[in-house]
Amino acid sequence: MDKLNISQLVTQMHEAFVEKRYSTDSTRKIHRTLMDILRLHFRNGCGFYSQNLIESFVGAANERFENKLMSKTHHRFLLKTASYLKEYNETSKIRFGRKTVKPVSEYYDRLLESIHLYNGWTPKIQHHRYEVAKTFFKWLKSKGHETLQELDEAAVKEHLIDCASRLSGSSIDTVSRALKATLLFLYDSDHVKNRFGRLFSFTFPLSAE
């Protein structure tokens, strides 16, 4: 099957929502958002789906939301539409029956969305790292860490020790590698101040001392 250009991709995705009998208001909002994404591609001379431009679109939406120029509902709608378009580009399908994901917090949900939209990993690896990050973020929030700004090695080590108490040796190794890669991604995108490379040079489980 030939790769669809961005115009075809947007048109077919919109038609998929119409066929699912979404409300007129919802399909209009989806259409407007898709047209904004399409115009962004055209302005940048890009005829096919570009993950970099999608990340730019999401980044602009995040900035407007953080500056209180956009409602929480509209912000989440834009991010969800961008996520659907990524999925449709990769699979030519949309999983309309996806379970609603219980949010962690507005801050951590935005980070999870950036992990979901990142195209530097295979879909299988990306899904696993998303789940590892979600577990980590929930744990951080339960410990009072509302953001990653002050994240240090002690907190990451404590989380891995907690995981090691519940997982087999091979499983904790897998989680450790996924968390290392995810933290590197967050470092490269300026969300954490440390690469945490030294911490992951040790073998788990580590002692709490």
Protein backbone atom coordinates (compact mmCIF):
# COMPACT_ATOMS: atom_id res chain seq x y z
CA MET A 1 0.00 0.00 0.00
CA ASP A 2 1.39 3.40 -1.01
CA LYS A 3 2.07 5.90 1.73
CA LEU A 4 -0.67 8.53 2.01
CA ASN A 5 0.25 12.18 1.69
CA ILE A 6 -0.79 14.45 4.54
CA SER A 7 -3.94 15.67 2.74
CA GLN A 8 -5.13 12.11 2.12
CA LEU A 9 -4.27 11.09 5.67
CA VAL A 10 -6.24 13.97 7.19
CA THR A 11 -9.22 13.38 4.90
CA GLN A 12 -9.41 9.65 5.60
CA MET A 13 -9.05 10.13 9.34
CA HIS A 14 -11.86 12.68 9.37
CA GLU A 15 -14.04 10.30 7.34
CA ALA A 16 -13.32 7.55 9.89
CA PHE A 17 -14.79 9.74 12.65
CA VAL A 18 -17.82 10.61 10.51
CA GLU A 19 -18.44 6.91 9.81
CA LYS A 20 -18.38 6.22 13.56
CA ARG A 21 -21.32 8.66 13.87
CA TYR A 22 -19.58 11.09 16.18
CA SER A 23 -21.68 14.17 16.90
CA THR A 24 -21.67 16.99 14.35
CA ASP A 25 -20.00 19.28 16.87
CA SER A 26 -17.24 16.75 17.59
CA THR A 27 -16.50 16.05 13.92
CA ARG A 28 -16.38 19.80 13.22
CA LYS A 29 -13.87 20.31 16.03
CA ILE A 30 -11.80 17.37 14.76
CA HIS A 31 -11.93 18.79 11.23
CA ARG A 32 -10.76 22.24 12.41
CA THR A 33 -7.87 20.70 14.34
CA LEU A 34 -6.85 18.51 11.40
CA MET A 35 -6.94 21.56 9.11
CA ASP A 36 -4.62 23.39 11.51
CA ILE A 37 -2.22 20.45 11.35
CA LEU A 38 -2.52 20.31 7.57
CA ARG A 39 -1.75 24.03 7.23
CA LEU A 40 1.26 23.60 9.52
CA HIS A 41 2.61 20.93 7.15
CA PHE A 42 1.97 23.11 4.09
CA ARG A 43 3.67 26.14 5.67
CA ASN A 44 6.74 24.01 6.22
CA GLY A 45 6.70 22.55 2.71
CA CYS A 46 5.97 19.04 3.98
CA GLY A 47 3.68 16.86 1.88
CA PHE A 48 3.70 13.84 4.17
CA TYR A 49 3.10 13.26 7.87
CA SER A 50 5.92 14.72 9.95
CA GLN A 51 6.29 13.70 13.59
CA ASN A 52 8.51 16.73 14.17
CA LEU A 53 5.69 19.02 13.07
CA ILE A 54 3.20 17.13 15.24
CA GLU A 55 5.51 17.63 18.21
CA SER A 56 5.70 21.33 17.29
CA PHE A 57 1.89 21.47 17.19
CA VAL A 58 1.65 19.79 20.61
CA GLY A 59 4.37 22.05 22.00
CA ALA A 60 2.48 25.16 20.88
CA ALA A 61 -0.72 23.82 22.46
CA ASN A 62 1.13 23.12 25.73
CA GLU A 63 2.58 26.63 25.76
CA ARG A 64 -0.81 28.26 25.19
CA PHE A 65 -2.36 26.11 27.92
CA GLU A 66 0.41 26.94 30.38
CA ASN A 67 -0.05 30.65 29.63
CA LYS A 68 -3.79 30.27 30.34
CA LEU A 69 -4.72 31.04 26.74
CA MET A 70 -6.55 27.75 26.29
CA SER A 71 -9.00 25.74 28.40
CA LYS A 72 -8.03 22.38 29.86
CA THR A 73 -10.76 20.67 27.80
CA HIS A 74 -9.60 22.15 24.49
CA HIS A 75 -5.96 21.44 25.32
CA ARG A 76 -6.69 17.76 25.96
CA PHE A 77 -8.77 17.61 22.77
CA LEU A 78 -5.88 18.93 20.65
CA LEU A 79 -3.45 16.45 22.17
CA LYS A 80 -5.87 13.56 21.71
CA THR A 81 -6.48 14.49 18.05
CA ALA A 82 -2.72 14.64 17.43
CA SER A 83 -2.40 11.23 19.09
CA TYR A 84 -5.17 9.78 16.90
CA LEU A 85 -3.46 11.14 13.76
CA LYS A 86 -0.16 9.52 14.78
CA GLU A 87 -1.96 6.22 15.32
CA TYR A 88 -3.79 6.47 12.01
CA ASN A 89 -0.55 7.24 10.16
CA GLU A 90 1.14 4.18 11.67
CA THR A 91 -1.70 1.66 11.46
CA SER A 92 -4.39 3.09 9.14
CA LYS A 93 -6.77 2.44 12.03
CA ILE A 94 -8.13 4.24 15.07
CA ARG A 95 -8.92 2.26 18.22
CA PHE A 96 -12.20 4.01 19.02
CA GLY A 97 -12.80 1.63 21.89
CA ARG A 98 -9.63 2.56 23.76
CA LYS A 99 -10.06 2.52 27.51
CA THR A 100 -10.03 5.88 29.22
CA VAL A 101 -6.67 6.31 30.91
CA LYS A 102 -6.91 7.57 34.47
CA PRO A 103 -4.88 10.78 34.56
CA VAL A 104 -1.84 11.16 36.82
CA SER A 105 -1.81 14.97 36.87
CA GLU A 106 -1.90 17.69 34.24
CA TYR A 107 1.90 18.01 34.42
CA TYR A 108 2.69 14.31 34.20
CA ASP A 109 -0.01 13.69 31.59
CA ARG A 110 1.68 16.20 29.28
CA LEU A 111 4.97 14.33 29.68
CA LEU A 112 3.24 11.02 28.95
CA GLU A 113 1.70 12.53 25.82
CA SER A 114 5.15 13.65 24.63
CA ILE A 115 6.44 10.10 25.17
CA HIS A 116 3.44 8.72 23.26
CA LEU A 117 4.06 11.10 20.34
CA TYR A 118 7.84 10.54 20.15
CA ASN A 119 8.83 8.66 16.99
CA GLY A 120 12.37 7.61 17.90
CA TRP A 121 11.35 4.16 19.16
CA THR A 122 9.46 1.25 17.63
CA PRO A 123 5.76 1.13 18.62
CA LYS A 124 6.32 -1.88 20.92
CA ILE A 125 9.25 -0.24 22.74
CA GLN A 126 7.41 3.07 22.89
CA HIS A 127 4.36 1.43 24.51
CA HIS A 128 6.51 -0.29 27.13
CA ARG A 129 8.42 2.90 27.98
CA TYR A 130 5.14 4.80 28.20
CA GLU A 131 3.83 2.27 30.74
CA VAL A 132 7.09 2.33 32.72
CA ALA A 133 7.00 6.14 32.78
CA LYS A 134 3.36 6.16 33.87
CA THR A 135 4.14 3.83 36.79
CA PHE A 136 7.14 5.99 37.73
CA PHE A 137 5.15 9.23 37.56
CA LYS A 138 2.35 7.76 39.72
CA TRP A 139 4.94 6.66 42.25
CA LEU A 140 6.60 10.11 42.25
CA LYS A 141 3.27 11.83 42.77
CA SER A 142 2.46 9.51 45.68
CA LYS A 143 5.77 10.59 47.23
CA GLY A 144 4.96 14.29 46.87
CA HIS A 145 6.92 15.01 43.69
CA GLU A 146 4.53 17.20 41.68
CA THR A 147 7.13 17.90 38.95
CA LEU A 148 10.52 16.55 37.82
CA GLN A 149 12.35 19.80 38.50
CA GLU A 150 14.03 18.53 41.68
CA LEU A 151 14.26 14.86 40.71
CA ASP A 152 17.47 13.33 42.05
CA GLU A 153 19.25 9.97 42.05
CA ALA A 154 17.89 9.09 45.49
CA ALA A 155 14.29 9.20 44.27
CA VAL A 156 15.01 7.18 41.11
CA LYS A 157 16.97 4.62 43.16
CA GLU A 158 14.14 4.33 45.72
CA HIS A 159 11.64 3.68 42.92
CA LEU A 160 13.82 0.96 41.38
CA ILE A 161 14.31 -0.69 44.77
CA ASP A 162 10.54 -0.65 45.21
CA CYS A 163 10.13 -2.26 41.76
CA ALA A 164 12.82 -4.85 42.57
CA SER A 165 10.88 -5.94 45.66
CA ARG A 166 7.93 -6.90 43.44
CA LEU A 167 9.53 -8.07 40.17
CA SER A 168 11.78 -10.91 39.03
CA GLY A 169 15.40 -10.24 38.13
CA SER A 170 14.77 -10.21 34.39
CA SER A 171 11.73 -7.96 34.78
CA ILE A 172 13.56 -5.36 36.88
CA ASP A 173 16.38 -5.33 34.31
CA THR A 174 13.81 -4.59 31.61
CA VAL A 175 12.16 -1.85 33.68
CA SER A 176 15.57 -0.37 34.52
CA ARG A 177 16.58 -0.15 30.85
CA ALA A 178 13.23 1.36 29.89
CA LEU A 179 13.39 3.95 32.68
CA LYS A 180 16.98 4.84 31.75
CA ALA A 181 15.95 5.47 28.13
CA THR A 182 12.89 7.44 29.21
CA LEU A 183 14.90 9.66 31.57
CA LEU A 184 17.40 10.29 28.78
CA PHE A 185 14.51 11.36 26.53
CA LEU A 186 13.25 13.68 29.28
CA TYR A 187 16.77 15.06 29.75
CA ASP A 188 17.14 15.75 26.03
CA SER A 189 13.78 17.58 26.08
CA ASP A 190 14.84 19.66 29.14
CA HIS A 191 12.41 18.13 31.63
CA VAL A 192 15.07 16.76 33.98
CA LYS A 193 18.50 18.14 34.86
CA ASN A 194 20.38 14.85 35.15
CA ARG A 195 20.99 11.99 32.71
CA PHE A 196 21.20 9.54 35.67
CA GLY A 197 23.69 7.42 33.73
CA ARG A 198 25.84 6.53 36.76
CA LEU A 199 22.85 5.21 38.69
CA PHE A 200 22.00 2.68 35.98
CA SER A 201 25.53 1.29 35.88
CA PHE A 202 24.70 -0.70 39.03
CA THR A 203 22.98 -4.08 39.18
CA PHE A 204 19.50 -4.22 40.74
CA PRO A 205 18.16 -4.88 43.26
CA LEU A 206 20.22 -2.28 45.14
CA SER A 207 20.24 -2.06 48.88
CA ALA A 208 18.52 0.91 50.45
CA GLU A 209 21.73 1.91 52.23
